PDB file of N, CA and C in Angstrom:
ATOM      1  N   MET A   1     208.166 343.145 178.562  1.00  0.00           N
ATOM      2  CA  MET A   1     207.630 341.934 179.138  1.00  0.00           C
ATOM      3  C   MET A   1     206.770 342.317 180.341  1.00  0.00           C
ATOM      4  N   ARG A   2     205.545 341.805 180.357  1.00  0.00           N
ATOM      5  CA  ARG A   2     204.611 342.108 181.444  1.00  0.00           C
ATOM      6  C   ARG A   2     204.751 341.058 182.536  1.00  0.00           C
ATOM      7  N   LEU A   3     204.955 341.532 183.775  1.00  0.00           N
ATOM      8  CA  LEU A   3     205.137 340.654 184.919  1.00  0.00           C
ATOM      9  C   LEU A   3     203.989 340.794 185.908  1.00  0.00           C
ATOM     10  N   TYR A   4     203.584 339.667 186.475  1.00  0.00           N
ATOM     11  CA  TYR A   4     202.627 339.651 187.581  1.00  0.00           C
ATOM     12  C   TYR A   4     203.442 339.680 188.868  1.00  0.00           C
ATOM     13  N   VAL A   5     203.020 340.511 189.824  1.00  0.00           N
ATOM     14  CA  VAL A   5     203.687 340.587 191.116  1.00  0.00           C
ATOM     15  C   VAL A   5     202.623 340.374 192.185  1.00  0.00           C
ATOM     16  N   GLY A   6     202.697 339.264 192.893  1.00  0.00           N
ATOM     17  CA  GLY A   6     201.705 338.936 193.909  1.00  0.00           C
ATOM     18  C   GLY A   6     202.306 338.924 195.307  1.00  0.00           C
ATOM     19  N   GLY A   7     201.425 338.940 196.299  1.00  0.00           N
ATOM     20  CA  GLY A   7     201.864 338.921 197.689  1.00  0.00           C
ATOM     21  C   GLY A   7     202.370 340.256 198.180  1.00  0.00           C
ATOM     22  N   LEU A   8     201.944 341.329 197.525  1.00  0.00           N
ATOM     23  CA  LEU A   8     202.420 342.659 197.909  1.00  0.00           C
ATOM     24  C   LEU A   8     201.844 343.091 199.250  1.00  0.00           C
ATOM     25  N   PRO A   9     202.647 343.766 200.075  1.00  0.00           N
ATOM     26  CA  PRO A   9     202.072 344.407 201.256  1.00  0.00           C
ATOM     27  C   PRO A   9     200.995 345.392 200.794  1.00  0.00           C
ATOM     28  N   TYR A  10     199.914 345.509 201.541  1.00  0.00           N
ATOM     29  CA  TYR A  10     198.771 346.304 201.093  1.00  0.00           C
ATOM     30  C   TYR A  10     199.067 347.794 200.972  1.00  0.00           C
ATOM     31  N   GLN A  11     200.131 348.285 201.599  1.00  0.00           N
ATOM     32  CA  GLN A  11     200.473 349.706 201.494  1.00  0.00           C
ATOM     33  C   GLN A  11     201.372 349.999 200.293  1.00  0.00           C
ATOM     34  N   THR A  12     201.754 348.985 199.522  1.00  0.00           N
ATOM     35  CA  THR A  12     202.616 349.166 198.354  1.00  0.00           C
ATOM     36  C   THR A  12     201.905 349.983 197.275  1.00  0.00           C
ATOM     37  N   ASN A  13     202.622 350.939 196.690  1.00  0.00           N
ATOM     38  CA  ASN A  13     202.048 351.732 195.596  1.00  0.00           C
ATOM     39  C   ASN A  13     202.900 351.552 194.334  1.00  0.00           C
ATOM     40  N   GLU A  14     202.478 352.203 193.255  1.00  0.00           N
ATOM     41  CA  GLU A  14     203.168 352.064 191.977  1.00  0.00           C
ATOM     42  C   GLU A  14     204.627 352.501 192.060  1.00  0.00           C
ATOM     43  N   GLN A  15     204.891 353.578 192.766  1.00  0.00           N
ATOM     44  CA  GLN A  15     206.270 354.060 192.867  1.00  0.00           C
ATOM     45  C   GLN A  15     207.153 353.055 193.593  1.00  0.00           C
ATOM     46  N   ASP A  16     206.610 352.363 194.593  1.00  0.00           N
ATOM     47  CA  ASP A  16     207.365 351.320 195.285  1.00  0.00           C
ATOM     48  C   ASP A  16     207.771 350.211 194.315  1.00  0.00           C
ATOM     49  N   LEU A  17     206.834 349.813 193.437  1.00  0.00           N
ATOM     50  CA  LEU A  17     207.144 348.774 192.445  1.00  0.00           C
ATOM     51  C   LEU A  17     208.206 349.251 191.466  1.00  0.00           C
ATOM     52  N   ILE A  18     208.076 350.477 191.008  1.00  0.00           N
ATOM     53  CA  ILE A  18     209.066 351.034 190.086  1.00  0.00           C
ATOM     54  C   ILE A  18     210.449 351.026 190.733  1.00  0.00           C
ATOM     55  N   ASN A  19     210.522 351.481 191.970  1.00  0.00           N
ATOM     56  CA  ASN A  19     211.807 351.535 192.673  1.00  0.00           C
ATOM     57  C   ASN A  19     212.417 350.149 192.834  1.00  0.00           C
ATOM     58  N   LEU A  20     211.590 349.143 193.112  1.00  0.00           N
ATOM     59  CA  LEU A  20     212.081 347.783 193.291  1.00  0.00           C
ATOM     60  C   LEU A  20     212.623 347.212 191.981  1.00  0.00           C
ATOM     61  N   PHE A  21     211.886 347.393 190.895  1.00  0.00           N
ATOM     62  CA  PHE A  21     212.246 346.777 189.621  1.00  0.00           C
ATOM     63  C   PHE A  21     213.271 347.567 188.820  1.00  0.00           C
ATOM     64  N   LYS A  22     213.399 348.863 189.053  1.00  0.00           N
ATOM     65  CA  LYS A  22     214.343 349.643 188.250  1.00  0.00           C
ATOM     66  C   LYS A  22     215.795 349.303 188.567  1.00  0.00           C
ATOM     67  N   ALA A  23     216.042 348.649 189.694  1.00  0.00           N
ATOM     68  CA  ALA A  23     217.402 348.199 190.002  1.00  0.00           C
ATOM     69  C   ALA A  23     217.827 347.074 189.056  1.00  0.00           C
ATOM     70  N   ILE A  24     216.853 346.445 188.403  1.00  0.00           N
ATOM     71  CA  ILE A  24     217.128 345.323 187.507  1.00  0.00           C
ATOM     72  C   ILE A  24     217.120 345.753 186.044  1.00  0.00           C
ATOM     73  N   GLY A  25     216.261 346.725 185.708  1.00  0.00           N
ATOM     74  CA  GLY A  25     216.171 347.158 184.328  1.00  0.00           C
ATOM     75  C   GLY A  25     215.214 348.324 184.180  1.00  0.00           C
ATOM     76  N   THR A  26     214.888 348.631 182.935  1.00  0.00           N
ATOM     77  CA  THR A  26     214.017 349.755 182.636  1.00  0.00           C
ATOM     78  C   THR A  26     212.562 349.355 182.835  1.00  0.00           C
ATOM     79  N   VAL A  27     211.874 350.110 183.677  1.00  0.00           N
ATOM     80  CA  VAL A  27     210.460 349.861 183.959  1.00  0.00           C
ATOM     81  C   VAL A  27     209.633 350.790 183.070  1.00  0.00           C
ATOM     82  N   ALA A  28     208.805 350.191 182.211  1.00  0.00           N
ATOM     83  CA  ALA A  28     207.939 350.991 181.342  1.00  0.00           C
ATOM     84  C   ALA A  28     206.722 351.496 182.109  1.00  0.00           C
ATOM     85  N   SER A  29     206.166 350.645 182.976  1.00  0.00           N
ATOM     86  CA  SER A  29     205.024 351.048 183.802  1.00  0.00           C
ATOM     87  C   SER A  29     204.851 350.071 184.944  1.00  0.00           C
ATOM     88  N   ALA A  30     204.114 350.505 185.956  1.00  0.00           N
ATOM     89  CA  ALA A  30     203.800 349.657 187.107  1.00  0.00           C
ATOM     90  C   ALA A  30     202.396 350.010 187.591  1.00  0.00           C
ATOM     91  N   THR A  31     201.638 348.986 187.958  1.00  0.00           N
ATOM     92  CA  THR A  31     200.266 349.180 188.418  1.00  0.00           C
ATOM     93  C   THR A  31     200.005 348.293 189.615  1.00  0.00           C
ATOM     94  N   VAL A  32     199.417 348.856 190.660  1.00  0.00           N
ATOM     95  CA  VAL A  32     198.925 348.072 191.791  1.00  0.00           C
ATOM     96  C   VAL A  32     197.417 347.994 191.623  1.00  0.00           C
ATOM     97  N   VAL A  33     196.870 346.780 191.637  1.00  0.00           N
ATOM     98  CA  VAL A  33     195.436 346.593 191.446  1.00  0.00           C
ATOM     99  C   VAL A  33     194.708 346.915 192.746  1.00  0.00           C
ATOM    100  N   THR A  34     193.659 347.749 192.624  1.00  0.00           N
ATOM    101  CA  THR A  34     192.909 348.175 193.798  1.00  0.00           C
ATOM    102  C   THR A  34     191.442 347.774 193.679  1.00  0.00           C
ATOM    103  N   ASP A  35     190.797 347.666 194.820  1.00  0.00           N
ATOM    104  CA  ASP A  35     189.369 347.377 194.880  1.00  0.00           C
ATOM    105  C   ASP A  35     188.600 348.599 194.396  1.00  0.00           C
ATOM    106  N   ARG A  36     187.624 348.395 193.527  1.00  0.00           N
ATOM    107  CA  ARG A  36     186.862 349.522 192.963  1.00  0.00           C
ATOM    108  C   ARG A  36     186.098 350.292 194.023  1.00  0.00           C
ATOM    109  N   GLU A  37     185.536 349.587 194.985  1.00  0.00           N
ATOM    110  CA  GLU A  37     184.690 350.245 195.988  1.00  0.00           C
ATOM    111  C   GLU A  37     185.490 350.943 197.075  1.00  0.00           C
ATOM    112  N   THR A  38     186.548 350.283 197.571  1.00  0.00           N
ATOM    113  CA  THR A  38     187.281 350.848 198.702  1.00  0.00           C
ATOM    114  C   THR A  38     188.544 351.596 198.297  1.00  0.00           C
ATOM    115  N   GLY A  39     189.068 351.308 197.100  1.00  0.00           N
ATOM    116  CA  GLY A  39     190.309 351.932 196.676  1.00  0.00           C
ATOM    117  C   GLY A  39     191.541 351.314 197.307  1.00  0.00           C
ATOM    118  N   ARG A  40     191.364 350.278 198.134  1.00  0.00           N
ATOM    119  CA  ARG A  40     192.494 349.615 198.800  1.00  0.00           C
ATOM    120  C   ARG A  40     193.139 348.600 197.870  1.00  0.00           C
ATOM    121  N   SER A  41     194.425 348.403 198.059  1.00  0.00           N
ATOM    122  CA  SER A  41     195.182 347.444 197.263  1.00  0.00           C
ATOM    123  C   SER A  41     194.632 346.033 197.464  1.00  0.00           C
ATOM    124  N   LYS A  42     194.653 345.252 196.389  1.00  0.00           N
ATOM    125  CA  LYS A  42     194.263 343.841 196.473  1.00  0.00           C
ATOM    126  C   LYS A  42     195.477 342.952 196.719  1.00  0.00           C
ATOM    127  N   GLY A  43     196.667 343.545 196.841  1.00  0.00           N
ATOM    128  CA  GLY A  43     197.866 342.779 197.158  1.00  0.00           C
ATOM    129  C   GLY A  43     198.597 342.212 195.954  1.00  0.00           C
ATOM    130  N   PHE A  44     198.257 342.698 194.752  1.00  0.00           N
ATOM    131  CA  PHE A  44     199.005 342.280 193.576  1.00  0.00           C
ATOM    132  C   PHE A  44     199.024 343.402 192.556  1.00  0.00           C
ATOM    133  N   GLY A  45     199.899 343.255 191.580  1.00  0.00           N
ATOM    134  CA  GLY A  45     200.008 344.274 190.548  1.00  0.00           C
ATOM    135  C   GLY A  45     200.770 343.752 189.352  1.00  0.00           C
ATOM    136  N   PHE A  46     201.099 344.665 188.448  1.00  0.00           N
ATOM    137  CA  PHE A  46     201.789 344.310 187.217  1.00  0.00           C
ATOM    138  C   PHE A  46     202.904 345.315 186.954  1.00  0.00           C
ATOM    139  N   VAL A  47     204.003 344.806 186.416  1.00  0.00           N
ATOM    140  CA  VAL A  47     205.131 345.651 186.037  1.00  0.00           C
ATOM    141  C   VAL A  47     205.476 345.315 184.599  1.00  0.00           C
ATOM    142  N   ASP A  48     205.620 346.341 183.776  1.00  0.00           N
ATOM    143  CA  ASP A  48     206.053 346.160 182.387  1.00  0.00           C
ATOM    144  C   ASP A  48     207.520 346.545 182.294  1.00  0.00           C
ATOM    145  N   MET A  49     208.346 345.538 181.979  1.00  0.00           N
ATOM    146  CA  MET A  49     209.773 345.774 181.774  1.00  0.00           C
ATOM    147  C   MET A  49     209.993 346.056 180.297  1.00  0.00           C
ATOM    148  N   SER A  50     211.070 346.761 179.966  1.00  0.00           N
ATOM    149  CA  SER A  50     211.280 347.196 178.584  1.00  0.00           C
ATOM    150  C   SER A  50     211.561 346.061 177.611  1.00  0.00           C
ATOM    151  N   ASN A  51     212.101 344.933 178.106  1.00  0.00           N
ATOM    152  CA  ASN A  51     212.345 343.805 177.203  1.00  0.00           C
ATOM    153  C   ASN A  51     212.293 342.483 177.960  1.00  0.00           C
ATOM    154  N   THR A  52     212.301 341.400 177.214  1.00  0.00           N
ATOM    155  CA  THR A  52     212.173 340.063 177.791  1.00  0.00           C
ATOM    156  C   THR A  52     213.353 339.700 178.675  1.00  0.00           C
ATOM    157  N   GLU A  53     214.546 340.082 178.270  1.00  0.00           N
ATOM    158  CA  GLU A  53     215.744 339.757 179.052  1.00  0.00           C
ATOM    159  C   GLU A  53     215.662 340.359 180.461  1.00  0.00           C
ATOM    160  N   GLU A  54     215.282 341.622 180.546  1.00  0.00           N
ATOM    161  CA  GLU A  54     215.149 342.269 181.855  1.00  0.00           C
ATOM    162  C   GLU A  54     214.008 341.656 182.657  1.00  0.00           C
ATOM    163  N   GLY A  55     212.934 341.285 181.968  1.00  0.00           N
ATOM    164  CA  GLY A  55     211.821 340.634 182.648  1.00  0.00           C
ATOM    165  C   GLY A  55     212.232 339.306 183.258  1.00  0.00           C
ATOM    166  N   GLN A  56     212.970 338.506 182.507  1.00  0.00           N
ATOM    167  CA  GLN A  56     213.443 337.216 183.027  1.00  0.00           C
ATOM    168  C   GLN A  56     214.393 337.409 184.213  1.00  0.00           C
ATOM    169  N   ARG A  57     215.241 338.416 184.106  1.00  0.00           N
ATOM    170  CA  ARG A  57     216.172 338.708 185.205  1.00  0.00           C
ATOM    171  C   ARG A  57     215.409 339.124 186.459  1.00  0.00           C
ATOM    172  N   ALA A  58     214.344 339.918 186.287  1.00  0.00           N
ATOM    173  CA  ALA A  58     213.526 340.340 187.428  1.00  0.00           C
ATOM    174  C   ALA A  58     212.865 339.137 188.092  1.00  0.00           C
ATOM    175  N   ILE A  59     212.366 338.206 187.293  1.00  0.00           N
ATOM    176  CA  ILE A  59     211.761 336.995 187.855  1.00  0.00           C
ATOM    177  C   ILE A  59     212.796 336.220 188.664  1.00  0.00           C
ATOM    178  N   GLU A  60     213.973 336.008 188.083  1.00  0.00           N
ATOM    179  CA  GLU A  60     215.027 335.250 188.756  1.00  0.00           C
ATOM    180  C   GLU A  60     215.479 335.904 190.057  1.00  0.00           C
ATOM    181  N   GLN A  61     215.593 337.228 190.050  1.00  0.00           N
ATOM    182  CA  GLN A  61     216.141 337.922 191.211  1.00  0.00           C
ATOM    183  C   GLN A  61     215.110 338.266 192.280  1.00  0.00           C
ATOM    184  N   LEU A  62     213.840 338.446 191.896  1.00  0.00           N
ATOM    185  CA  LEU A  62     212.857 338.937 192.867  1.00  0.00           C
ATOM    186  C   LEU A  62     211.816 337.907 193.320  1.00  0.00           C
ATOM    187  N   ASN A  63     211.562 336.882 192.514  1.00  0.00           N
ATOM    188  CA  ASN A  63     210.562 335.894 192.911  1.00  0.00           C
ATOM    189  C   ASN A  63     210.988 335.201 194.200  1.00  0.00           C
ATOM    190  N   GLY A  64     210.093 335.189 195.192  1.00  0.00           N
ATOM    191  CA  GLY A  64     210.384 334.536 196.468  1.00  0.00           C
ATOM    192  C   GLY A  64     211.126 335.400 197.466  1.00  0.00           C
ATOM    193  N   THR A  65     211.353 336.676 197.131  1.00  0.00           N
ATOM    194  CA  THR A  65     212.048 337.567 198.060  1.00  0.00           C
ATOM    195  C   THR A  65     211.037 338.300 198.946  1.00  0.00           C
ATOM    196  N   LEU A  66     211.543 338.931 199.987  1.00  0.00           N
ATOM    197  CA  LEU A  66     210.692 339.680 200.908  1.00  0.00           C
ATOM    198  C   LEU A  66     210.541 341.125 200.471  1.00  0.00           C
ATOM    199  N   LEU A  67     209.319 341.607 200.547  1.00  0.00           N
ATOM    200  CA  LEU A  67     209.023 343.028 200.388  1.00  0.00           C
ATOM    201  C   LEU A  67     208.211 343.386 201.622  1.00  0.00           C
ATOM    202  N   GLY A  68     208.773 344.245 202.456  1.00  0.00           N
ATOM    203  CA  GLY A  68     208.155 344.450 203.768  1.00  0.00           C
ATOM    204  C   GLY A  68     208.298 343.143 204.530  1.00  0.00           C
ATOM    205  N   GLU A  69     207.201 342.630 205.027  1.00  0.00           N
ATOM    206  CA  GLU A  69     207.225 341.355 205.741  1.00  0.00           C
ATOM    207  C   GLU A  69     206.559 340.246 204.941  1.00  0.00           C
ATOM    208  N   ARG A  70     206.341 340.463 203.639  1.00  0.00           N
ATOM    209  CA  ARG A  70     205.652 339.475 202.814  1.00  0.00           C
ATOM    210  C   ARG A  70     206.567 338.954 201.712  1.00  0.00           C
ATOM    211  N   THR A  71     206.418 337.681 201.406  1.00  0.00           N
ATOM    212  CA  THR A  71     207.158 337.064 200.310  1.00  0.00           C
ATOM    213  C   THR A  71     206.390 337.307 199.022  1.00  0.00           C
ATOM    214  N   ILE A  72     207.063 337.907 198.056  1.00  0.00           N
ATOM    215  CA  ILE A  72     206.380 338.228 196.801  1.00  0.00           C
ATOM    216  C   ILE A  72     206.600 337.142 195.750  1.00  0.00           C
ATOM    217  N   THR A  73     205.644 337.052 194.845  1.00  0.00           N
ATOM    218  CA  THR A  73     205.709 336.159 193.698  1.00  0.00           C
ATOM    219  C   THR A  73     205.867 337.031 192.460  1.00  0.00           C
ATOM    220  N   VAL A  74     206.840 336.705 191.642  1.00  0.00           N
ATOM    221  CA  VAL A  74     207.049 337.439 190.392  1.00  0.00           C
ATOM    222  C   VAL A  74     207.132 336.412 189.271  1.00  0.00           C
ATOM    223  N   ASN A  75     206.231 336.524 188.301  1.00  0.00           N
ATOM    224  CA  ASN A  75     206.290 335.655 187.133  1.00  0.00           C
ATOM    225  C   ASN A  75     205.687 336.369 185.935  1.00  0.00           C
ATOM    226  N   GLU A  76     205.817 335.728 184.775  1.00  0.00           N
ATOM    227  CA  GLU A  76     205.286 336.337 183.573  1.00  0.00           C
ATOM    228  C   GLU A  76     203.770 336.379 183.657  1.00  0.00           C
ATOM    229  N   ALA A  77     203.205 337.536 183.342  1.00  0.00           N
ATOM    230  CA  ALA A  77     201.751 337.689 183.390  1.00  0.00           C
ATOM    231  C   ALA A  77     201.125 336.870 182.278  1.00  0.00           C
ATOM    232  N   ARG A  78     199.989 336.264 182.589  1.00  0.00           N
ATOM    233  CA  ARG A  78     199.245 335.491 181.589  1.00  0.00           C
ATOM    234  C   ARG A  78     198.074 336.320 181.109  1.00  0.00           C
ATOM    235  N   GLU A  79     197.611 336.011 179.914  1.00  0.00           N
ATOM    236  CA  GLU A  79     196.426 336.683 179.380  1.00  0.00           C
ATOM    237  C   GLU A  79     195.235 336.360 180.251  1.00  0.00           C
ATOM    238  N   ARG A  80     194.381 337.329 180.434  1.00  0.00           N
ATOM    239  CA  ARG A  80     193.180 337.153 181.231  1.00  0.00           C
ATOM    240  C   ARG A  80     192.246 336.161 180.532  1.00  0.00           C
ATOM    241  N   GLN A  81     191.699 335.229 181.303  1.00  0.00           N
ATOM    242  CA  GLN A  81     190.770 334.250 180.747  1.00  0.00           C
ATOM    243  C   GLN A  81     189.409 334.888 180.550  1.00  0.00           C
ATOM    244  N   SER A  82     188.815 334.676 179.395  1.00  0.00           N
ATOM    245  CA  SER A  82     187.492 335.241 179.155  1.00  0.00           C
ATOM    246  C   SER A  82     186.423 334.292 179.667  1.00  0.00           C
ATOM    247  N   GLY A  83     185.251 334.811 179.904  1.00  0.00           N
ATOM    248  CA  GLY A  83     184.139 333.995 180.400  1.00  0.00           C
ATOM    249  C   GLY A  83     184.115 333.980 181.904  1.00  0.00           C
ATOM    250  N   GLY A  84     184.855 333.070 182.499  1.00  0.00           N
ATOM    251  CA  GLY A  84     184.923 332.999 183.948  1.00  0.00           C
ATOM    252  C   GLY A  84     183.606 332.581 184.568  1.00  0.00           C
ATOM    253  N   GLY A  85     183.546 332.605 185.873  1.00  0.00           N
ATOM    254  CA  GLY A  85     182.346 332.172 186.580  1.00  0.00           C
ATOM    255  C   GLY A  85     181.376 333.292 186.856  1.00  0.00           C
ATOM    256  N   SER A  86     181.709 334.505 186.482  1.00  0.00           N
ATOM    257  CA  SER A  86     180.848 335.625 186.830  1.00  0.00           C
ATOM    258  C   SER A  86     179.646 335.766 185.912  1.00  0.00           C
ATOM    259  N   GLN A  87     179.626 335.022 184.831  1.00  0.00           N
ATOM    260  CA  GLN A  87     178.528 335.151 183.887  1.00  0.00           C
ATOM    261  C   GLN A  87     177.643 333.908 183.909  1.00  0.00           C
ATOM    262  N   ARG A  88     177.360 333.421 185.095  1.00  0.00           N
ATOM    263  CA  ARG A  88     176.532 332.223 185.207  1.00  0.00           C
ATOM    264  C   ARG A  88     175.128 332.478 184.696  1.00  0.00           C
ATOM    265  N   ARG A  89     174.585 331.474 184.050  1.00  0.00           N
ATOM    266  CA  ARG A  89     173.212 331.581 183.570  1.00  0.00           C
ATOM    267  C   ARG A  89     172.278 331.215 184.694  1.00  0.00           C
ATOM    268  N   SER A  90     171.294 332.035 184.900  1.00  0.00           N
ATOM    269  CA  SER A  90     170.265 331.674 185.872  1.00  0.00           C
ATOM    270  C   SER A  90     168.997 331.380 185.086  1.00  0.00           C
ATOM    271  N   TYR A  91     168.387 330.283 185.405  1.00  0.00           N
ATOM    272  CA  TYR A  91     167.172 329.912 184.706  1.00  0.00           C
ATOM    273  C   TYR A  91     166.315 329.051 185.613  1.00  0.00           C
ATOM    274  N   ASP A  92     165.080 328.957 185.273  1.00  0.00           N
ATOM    275  CA  ASP A  92     164.143 328.128 186.004  1.00  0.00           C
ATOM    276  C   ASP A  92     164.365 326.686 185.571  1.00  0.00           C
ATOM    277  N   ARG A  93     164.430 325.766 186.524  1.00  0.00           N
ATOM    278  CA  ARG A  93     164.674 324.361 186.201  1.00  0.00           C
ATOM    279  C   ARG A  93     163.636 323.812 185.227  1.00  0.00           C
ATOM    280  N   ARG A  94     162.445 324.349 185.263  1.00  0.00           N
ATOM    281  CA  ARG A  94     161.377 323.858 184.389  1.00  0.00           C
ATOM    282  C   ARG A  94     161.711 324.094 182.926  1.00  0.00           C
ATOM    283  N   GLU A  95     162.579 325.056 182.628  1.00  0.00           N
ATOM    284  CA  GLU A  95     162.923 325.359 181.244  1.00  0.00           C
ATOM    285  C   GLU A  95     163.701 324.204 180.591  1.00  0.00           C
ATOM    286  N   ARG A  96     164.336 323.382 181.383  1.00  0.00           N
ATOM    287  CA  ARG A  96     165.153 322.299 180.830  1.00  0.00           C
ATOM    288  C   ARG A  96     164.307 321.153 180.310  1.00  0.00           C
ATOM    289  N   TYR A  97     163.077 321.005 180.764  1.00  0.00           N
ATOM    290  CA  TYR A  97     162.279 319.824 180.424  1.00  0.00           C
ATOM    291  C   TYR A  97     161.194 320.100 179.448  1.00  0.00           C
TER     292      TYR A  97
END
């Protein structure tokens, strides 16, 4: 089960996430999302738990808890939405008429 983890302290790394979640179950992988240009954490990441039961337990036990001085959000990751606002069409207004 893939989990979204938000509100992470910016110094959090993948090993920190693994250590936090392995107390609840088997962690298949953990990723902290970083800015491409600076390499700094964006304050969120993803954890893959080995099964749904462990994922649900992690949500119940960790959502709303403190990590460092920040309250973290843990919930089931959603599929990324395609399209988004980054592909806006630019055109000359005259083309519409």
